[in-house]
Amino acid sequence: MLAREIIFLVEEAPEGGYLARALGHSICTEGEDLDEVRAAVRDAVRCHFNEKDMPRIIRLHIVKEEVMAL
């Protein structure tokens, strides 16, 4: 069965920039900003799958941690 969609968890990296990890696949990439991450994710997906198994949709779940003082 073909995967119609692939989901990436995108988090801020401790050293700066962003880290994107695919859920259920061994794909991980990074970028300095979200535009760079989007391009890197597309490239990584194209490299990981052959044309016949390529997902039709890439979904990014962007997690941003915010700390607030009281």
C-alpha atoms as a PDB file:
ATOM      1  CA  MET A   1       0.000   0.000   0.000  1.00  0.00           C
ATOM      2  CA  LEU A   2       1.364   3.393  -0.973  1.00  0.00           C
ATOM      3  CA  ALA A   3       1.812   6.094   1.642  1.00  0.00           C
ATOM      4  CA  ARG A   4      -0.265   9.046   0.490  1.00  0.00           C
ATOM      5  CA  GLU A   5       1.196  11.322   3.128  1.00  0.00           C
ATOM      6  CA  ILE A   6       4.361  11.647   5.171  1.00  0.00           C
ATOM      7  CA  ILE A   7       4.516  13.591   8.426  1.00  0.00           C
ATOM      8  CA  PHE A   8       7.556  15.447   9.773  1.00  0.00           C
ATOM      9  CA  LEU A   9       8.008  16.745  13.300  1.00  0.00           C
ATOM     10  CA  VAL A  10       9.869  20.074  13.095  1.00  0.00           C
ATOM     11  CA  GLU A  11      11.498  21.409  16.259  1.00  0.00           C
ATOM     12  CA  GLU A  12      13.914  24.194  17.078  1.00  0.00           C
ATOM     13  CA  ALA A  13      17.441  22.761  17.371  1.00  0.00           C
ATOM     14  CA  PRO A  14      19.349  23.562  20.590  1.00  0.00           C
ATOM     15  CA  GLU A  15      22.270  24.971  18.579  1.00  0.00           C
ATOM     16  CA  GLY A  16      19.975  27.102  16.404  1.00  0.00           C
ATOM     17  CA  GLY A  17      17.917  26.465  13.311  1.00  0.00           C
ATOM     18  CA  TYR A  18      15.403  23.650  12.967  1.00  0.00           C
ATOM     19  CA  LEU A  19      15.476  19.845  12.904  1.00  0.00           C
ATOM     20  CA  ALA A  20      12.877  17.863  10.929  1.00  0.00           C
ATOM     21  CA  ARG A  21      12.272  14.143  11.553  1.00  0.00           C
ATOM     22  CA  ALA A  22       9.851  11.945   9.616  1.00  0.00           C
ATOM     23  CA  LEU A  23       7.441   9.856  11.649  1.00  0.00           C
ATOM     24  CA  GLY A  24       7.675   6.197  10.648  1.00  0.00           C
ATOM     25  CA  HIS A  25      10.603   6.648   8.252  1.00  0.00           C
ATOM     26  CA  SER A  26      14.362   7.056   8.655  1.00  0.00           C
ATOM     27  CA  ILE A  27      14.479  10.593   7.294  1.00  0.00           C
ATOM     28  CA  CYS A  28      16.027  13.491   9.192  1.00  0.00           C
ATOM     29  CA  THR A  29      17.121  16.884   7.898  1.00  0.00           C
ATOM     30  CA  GLU A  30      17.721  20.412   9.135  1.00  0.00           C
ATOM     31  CA  GLY A  31      17.778  24.053   8.130  1.00  0.00           C
ATOM     32  CA  GLU A  32      18.603  27.516   9.438  1.00  0.00           C
ATOM     33  CA  ASP A  33      15.029  28.785   8.959  1.00  0.00           C
ATOM     34  CA  LEU A  34      11.635  27.308   8.091  1.00  0.00           C
ATOM     35  CA  ASP A  35      11.969  28.029   4.360  1.00  0.00           C
ATOM     36  CA  GLU A  36      15.275  26.145   4.314  1.00  0.00           C
ATOM     37  CA  VAL A  37      13.702  23.260   6.260  1.00  0.00           C
ATOM     38  CA  ARG A  38      10.833  23.035   3.769  1.00  0.00           C
ATOM     39  CA  ALA A  39      13.269  22.779   0.857  1.00  0.00           C
ATOM     40  CA  ALA A  40      15.442  20.239   2.723  1.00  0.00           C
ATOM     41  CA  VAL A  41      12.401  18.099   3.573  1.00  0.00           C
ATOM     42  CA  ARG A  42      11.280  18.016  -0.069  1.00  0.00           C
ATOM     43  CA  ASP A  43      14.785  17.041  -1.172  1.00  0.00           C
ATOM     44  CA  ALA A  44      15.083  14.354   1.525  1.00  0.00           C
ATOM     45  CA  VAL A  45      11.720  12.820   0.578  1.00  0.00           C
ATOM     46  CA  ARG A  46      12.675  12.745  -3.106  1.00  0.00           C
ATOM     47  CA  CYS A  47      15.946  11.000  -2.212  1.00  0.00           C
ATOM     48  CA  HIS A  48      14.312   8.477   0.136  1.00  0.00           C
ATOM     49  CA  PHE A  49      11.454   7.241  -2.077  1.00  0.00           C
ATOM     50  CA  ASN A  50      11.404   6.006  -5.636  1.00  0.00           C
ATOM     51  CA  GLU A  51       8.915   7.625  -8.016  1.00  0.00           C
ATOM     52  CA  LYS A  52       6.314   4.866  -7.612  1.00  0.00           C
ATOM     53  CA  ASP A  53       6.274   5.040  -3.783  1.00  0.00           C
ATOM     54  CA  MET A  54       6.564   8.831  -3.438  1.00  0.00           C
ATOM     55  CA  PRO A  55       4.037  10.318  -0.959  1.00  0.00           C
ATOM     56  CA  ARG A  56       1.669  12.852  -2.488  1.00  0.00           C
ATOM     57  CA  ILE A  57       1.547  15.093   0.589  1.00  0.00           C
ATOM     58  CA  ILE A  58       4.203  16.229   3.057  1.00  0.00           C
ATOM     59  CA  ARG A  59       2.793  17.458   6.364  1.00  0.00           C
ATOM     60  CA  LEU A  60       4.966  19.478   8.762  1.00  0.00           C
ATOM     61  CA  HIS A  61       4.068  19.586  12.446  1.00  0.00           C
ATOM     62  CA  ILE A  62       6.012  22.598  13.708  1.00  0.00           C
ATOM     63  CA  VAL A  63       6.581  22.515  17.458  1.00  0.00           C
ATOM     64  CA  LYS A  64       7.713  25.687  19.142  1.00  0.00           C
ATOM     65  CA  GLU A  65       8.477  25.740  22.831  1.00  0.00           C
ATOM     66  CA  GLU A  66       7.761  28.983  24.633  1.00  0.00           C
ATOM     67  CA  VAL A  67       8.824  29.785  28.187  1.00  0.00           C
ATOM     68  CA  MET A  68       7.009  32.493  30.091  1.00  0.00           C
ATOM     69  CA  ALA A  69       7.926  34.008  33.432  1.00  0.00           C
ATOM     70  CA  LEU A  70       5.268  34.753  36.021  1.00  0.00           C
END
